Amino acid sequence: MVVSVGGGVLARSFYASPTSSSEETSAQLPPFTGSSQEPPGRQRVVLEPGARQHPDSTVVRNLLQRHFDAINQRNYQQWRATVVRAKSLNQPYGEWRDEYESTRDGSVTVHRIVRGPDGTLRVLMSLVSVQDREDAPKDMPLTCLRWRVVYQLVVEEGELRLGQGLPDSSLHNKCEN
């Protein structure tokens, strides 16, 4: 847990805008409030202004929209088309179904898009997931979680795809209503 938190703090400070204050980058995720929708909230991926300014923002948003639509619609073939081959080989259909069978993701917000090494992109984003307790992370078996993650995007076979996970690239908190 300490390593995950440390990695998240490092990721937030690395991807924070140079003009951001430390208070902004270390703040807790806001509670899921002020919406007429129940968690996980809106199904459309949204880009914050800083992310919208990135030249690849449209491609990134479209990729993430297809990715989360695939999870929410339980469409493994569509999901496979959004991730690198190695990731789909490491998560065959049965494992993928077991992991996502009760998951619904929403309120996906892309905060930043930055260039990574070797032509990759790093996407700092947040989202809300709801799931059965038994499908939640073992360290936080709750039905609603708020996530802050860094995704690595790579070009494979001429298309942008979600790469293998980066170490310590996600933080999750309980949803607060």
Protein backbone atom coordinates (compact mmCIF):
# COMPACT_ATOMS: atom_id res chain seq x y z
CA MET A 1 0.00 0.00 0.00
CA VAL A 2 2.80 2.42 0.91
CA VAL A 3 4.52 1.70 -2.42
CA SER A 4 1.27 2.35 -4.32
CA VAL A 5 0.67 5.62 -2.52
CA GLY A 6 4.27 6.69 -3.04
CA GLY A 7 4.06 5.80 -6.73
CA GLY A 8 0.82 7.73 -7.06
CA VAL A 9 2.25 10.79 -5.37
CA LEU A 10 5.29 10.55 -7.63
CA ALA A 11 3.08 10.20 -10.72
CA ARG A 12 0.94 13.15 -9.67
CA SER A 13 3.95 15.36 -9.08
CA PHE A 14 5.60 14.23 -12.33
CA TYR A 15 2.51 14.84 -14.43
CA ALA A 16 1.41 17.97 -12.60
CA SER A 17 1.43 21.18 -14.54
CA PRO A 18 4.49 23.28 -13.78
CA THR A 19 2.12 26.04 -12.67
CA SER A 20 0.12 23.75 -10.36
CA SER A 21 0.48 24.27 -6.66
CA SER A 22 1.42 21.35 -4.44
CA GLU A 23 -1.98 21.75 -2.79
CA GLU A 24 -3.70 21.05 -6.12
CA THR A 25 -1.60 17.99 -6.91
CA SER A 26 -1.85 16.41 -3.48
CA ALA A 27 -5.57 16.99 -2.92
CA GLN A 28 -7.88 14.05 -2.36
CA LEU A 29 -10.19 13.07 -5.16
CA PRO A 30 -13.46 14.96 -4.83
CA PRO A 31 -16.43 12.96 -3.56
CA PHE A 32 -19.01 11.70 -6.03
CA THR A 33 -21.62 14.34 -5.37
CA GLY A 34 -23.66 16.96 -7.17
CA SER A 35 -24.88 14.58 -9.85
CA SER A 36 -28.33 13.25 -10.54
CA GLN A 37 -26.67 10.04 -11.69
CA GLU A 38 -25.77 7.15 -9.46
CA PRO A 39 -22.15 5.98 -9.51
CA PRO A 40 -20.31 5.32 -11.74
CA GLY A 41 -21.79 8.44 -13.39
CA ARG A 42 -21.55 9.57 -16.99
CA GLN A 43 -20.40 7.05 -19.57
CA ARG A 44 -18.66 9.54 -21.87
CA VAL A 45 -14.89 10.05 -21.50
CA VAL A 46 -14.15 13.73 -20.81
CA LEU A 47 -10.90 15.62 -21.37
CA GLU A 48 -9.92 18.47 -19.07
CA PRO A 49 -8.61 21.61 -20.81
CA GLY A 50 -4.93 20.70 -20.41
CA ALA A 51 -5.50 17.26 -21.95
CA ARG A 52 -7.61 18.71 -24.79
CA GLN A 53 -4.64 20.84 -25.85
CA HIS A 54 -2.48 17.79 -26.56
CA PRO A 55 -2.21 17.07 -30.31
CA ASP A 56 -3.26 13.41 -29.79
CA SER A 57 -6.23 14.23 -27.54
CA THR A 58 -8.95 13.12 -29.98
CA VAL A 59 -7.28 9.79 -30.68
CA VAL A 60 -6.68 9.22 -26.95
CA ARG A 61 -10.28 10.06 -26.03
CA ASN A 62 -11.66 7.78 -28.74
CA LEU A 63 -9.41 4.90 -27.64
CA LEU A 64 -10.41 5.27 -23.99
CA GLN A 65 -14.10 5.54 -24.93
CA ARG A 66 -13.92 2.25 -26.87
CA HIS A 67 -11.97 0.64 -24.01
CA PHE A 68 -14.45 1.55 -21.27
CA ASP A 69 -17.45 0.85 -23.51
CA ALA A 70 -16.03 -2.64 -24.05
CA ILE A 71 -15.73 -3.23 -20.31
CA ASN A 72 -19.21 -1.88 -19.58
CA GLN A 73 -20.76 -3.89 -22.43
CA ARG A 74 -18.78 -7.06 -21.59
CA ASN A 75 -17.32 -7.08 -25.11
CA TYR A 76 -14.02 -8.91 -24.92
CA GLN A 77 -13.26 -8.65 -28.64
CA GLN A 78 -13.68 -4.88 -28.58
CA TRP A 79 -11.55 -4.68 -25.42
CA ARG A 80 -8.79 -6.71 -27.13
CA ALA A 81 -8.75 -4.16 -29.97
CA THR A 82 -7.89 -1.41 -27.46
CA VAL A 83 -4.92 -3.10 -25.75
CA VAL A 84 -1.52 -4.35 -26.88
CA ARG A 85 -1.29 -7.97 -27.94
CA ALA A 86 0.77 -8.95 -24.89
CA LYS A 87 -1.93 -7.62 -22.56
CA SER A 88 -4.69 -9.59 -24.30
CA LEU A 89 -2.53 -12.74 -24.25
CA ASN A 90 -1.92 -12.25 -20.50
CA GLN A 91 -5.64 -11.88 -19.89
CA PRO A 92 -7.55 -14.52 -21.86
CA TYR A 93 -11.33 -14.31 -22.07
CA GLY A 94 -12.09 -16.39 -18.95
CA GLU A 95 -9.85 -14.30 -16.71
CA TRP A 96 -11.10 -11.05 -18.26
CA ARG A 97 -14.73 -12.10 -17.76
CA ASP A 98 -14.08 -13.03 -14.13
CA GLU A 99 -12.34 -9.70 -13.47
CA TYR A 100 -14.94 -7.49 -15.15
CA GLU A 101 -18.19 -9.47 -14.88
CA SER A 102 -19.78 -7.05 -12.41
CA THR A 103 -17.73 -3.92 -13.19
CA ARG A 104 -19.22 -0.71 -14.56
CA ASP A 105 -16.88 2.21 -15.13
CA GLY A 106 -17.83 5.85 -15.58
CA SER A 107 -16.96 9.46 -14.83
CA VAL A 108 -13.74 8.90 -16.79
CA THR A 109 -11.79 12.16 -16.87
CA VAL A 110 -8.45 12.62 -18.61
CA HIS A 111 -6.43 15.20 -16.69
CA ARG A 112 -3.16 15.18 -18.65
CA ILE A 113 -1.56 13.61 -21.69
CA VAL A 114 2.25 13.73 -21.91
CA ARG A 115 4.90 12.16 -24.11
CA GLY A 116 6.71 9.20 -22.61
CA PRO A 117 9.85 7.37 -23.69
CA ASP A 118 10.13 5.74 -27.12
CA GLY A 119 7.12 7.52 -28.62
CA THR A 120 4.70 6.39 -25.91
CA LEU A 121 2.11 8.57 -24.21
CA ARG A 122 1.23 8.73 -20.53
CA VAL A 123 -2.38 9.53 -19.65
CA LEU A 124 -3.23 10.69 -16.13
CA MET A 125 -6.92 10.09 -15.51
CA SER A 126 -9.55 9.40 -12.90
CA LEU A 127 -12.67 7.26 -12.98
CA VAL A 128 -15.33 5.66 -10.82
CA SER A 129 -15.94 1.91 -10.82
CA VAL A 130 -18.77 -0.01 -9.26
CA GLN A 131 -18.62 -3.76 -8.84
CA ASP A 132 -19.61 -6.60 -6.58
CA ARG A 133 -17.47 -6.74 -3.42
CA GLU A 134 -15.88 -10.02 -4.48
CA ASP A 135 -14.72 -8.40 -7.74
CA ALA A 136 -13.16 -5.37 -6.03
CA PRO A 137 -9.45 -5.17 -5.17
CA LYS A 138 -8.59 -7.40 -2.22
CA ASP A 139 -7.24 -4.44 -0.23
CA MET A 140 -10.48 -2.46 -0.60
CA PRO A 141 -13.47 -4.81 -1.16
CA LEU A 142 -16.05 -2.07 -1.76
CA THR A 143 -18.83 -1.74 -4.29
CA CYS A 144 -17.76 1.77 -5.41
CA LEU A 145 -14.20 3.00 -5.91
CA ARG A 146 -12.65 6.21 -7.25
CA TRP A 147 -9.47 5.60 -9.19
CA ARG A 148 -6.57 7.82 -10.25
CA VAL A 149 -4.40 6.01 -12.78
CA VAL A 150 -1.59 6.57 -15.25
CA TYR A 151 -2.05 4.59 -18.46
CA GLN A 152 0.77 3.98 -20.89
CA LEU A 153 -0.32 4.21 -24.53
CA VAL A 154 1.84 2.74 -27.28
CA VAL A 155 1.65 2.37 -31.04
CA GLU A 156 1.25 -1.26 -32.09
CA GLU A 157 0.50 -2.35 -35.63
CA GLY A 158 0.05 1.30 -36.57
CA GLU A 159 -2.61 2.00 -33.93
CA LEU A 160 -2.53 3.59 -30.49
CA ARG A 161 -3.33 1.02 -27.78
CA LEU A 162 -3.24 0.69 -24.02
CA GLY A 163 0.07 -0.86 -23.03
CA GLN A 164 1.00 -3.15 -20.22
CA GLY A 165 0.40 -1.59 -16.81
CA LEU A 166 3.09 0.57 -15.28
CA PRO A 167 4.30 -0.37 -11.78
CA ASP A 168 2.52 1.50 -9.00
CA SER A 169 0.42 3.45 -11.50
CA SER A 170 -2.94 3.43 -9.76
CA LEU A 171 -4.51 4.68 -6.55
CA HIS A 172 -8.02 3.95 -5.37
CA ASN A 173 -10.21 5.46 -2.68
CA LYS A 174 -13.69 4.66 -1.51
CA CYS A 175 -16.54 6.60 -3.08
CA GLU A 176 -18.05 9.15 -0.77
CA ASN A 177 -21.65 10.19 -1.28
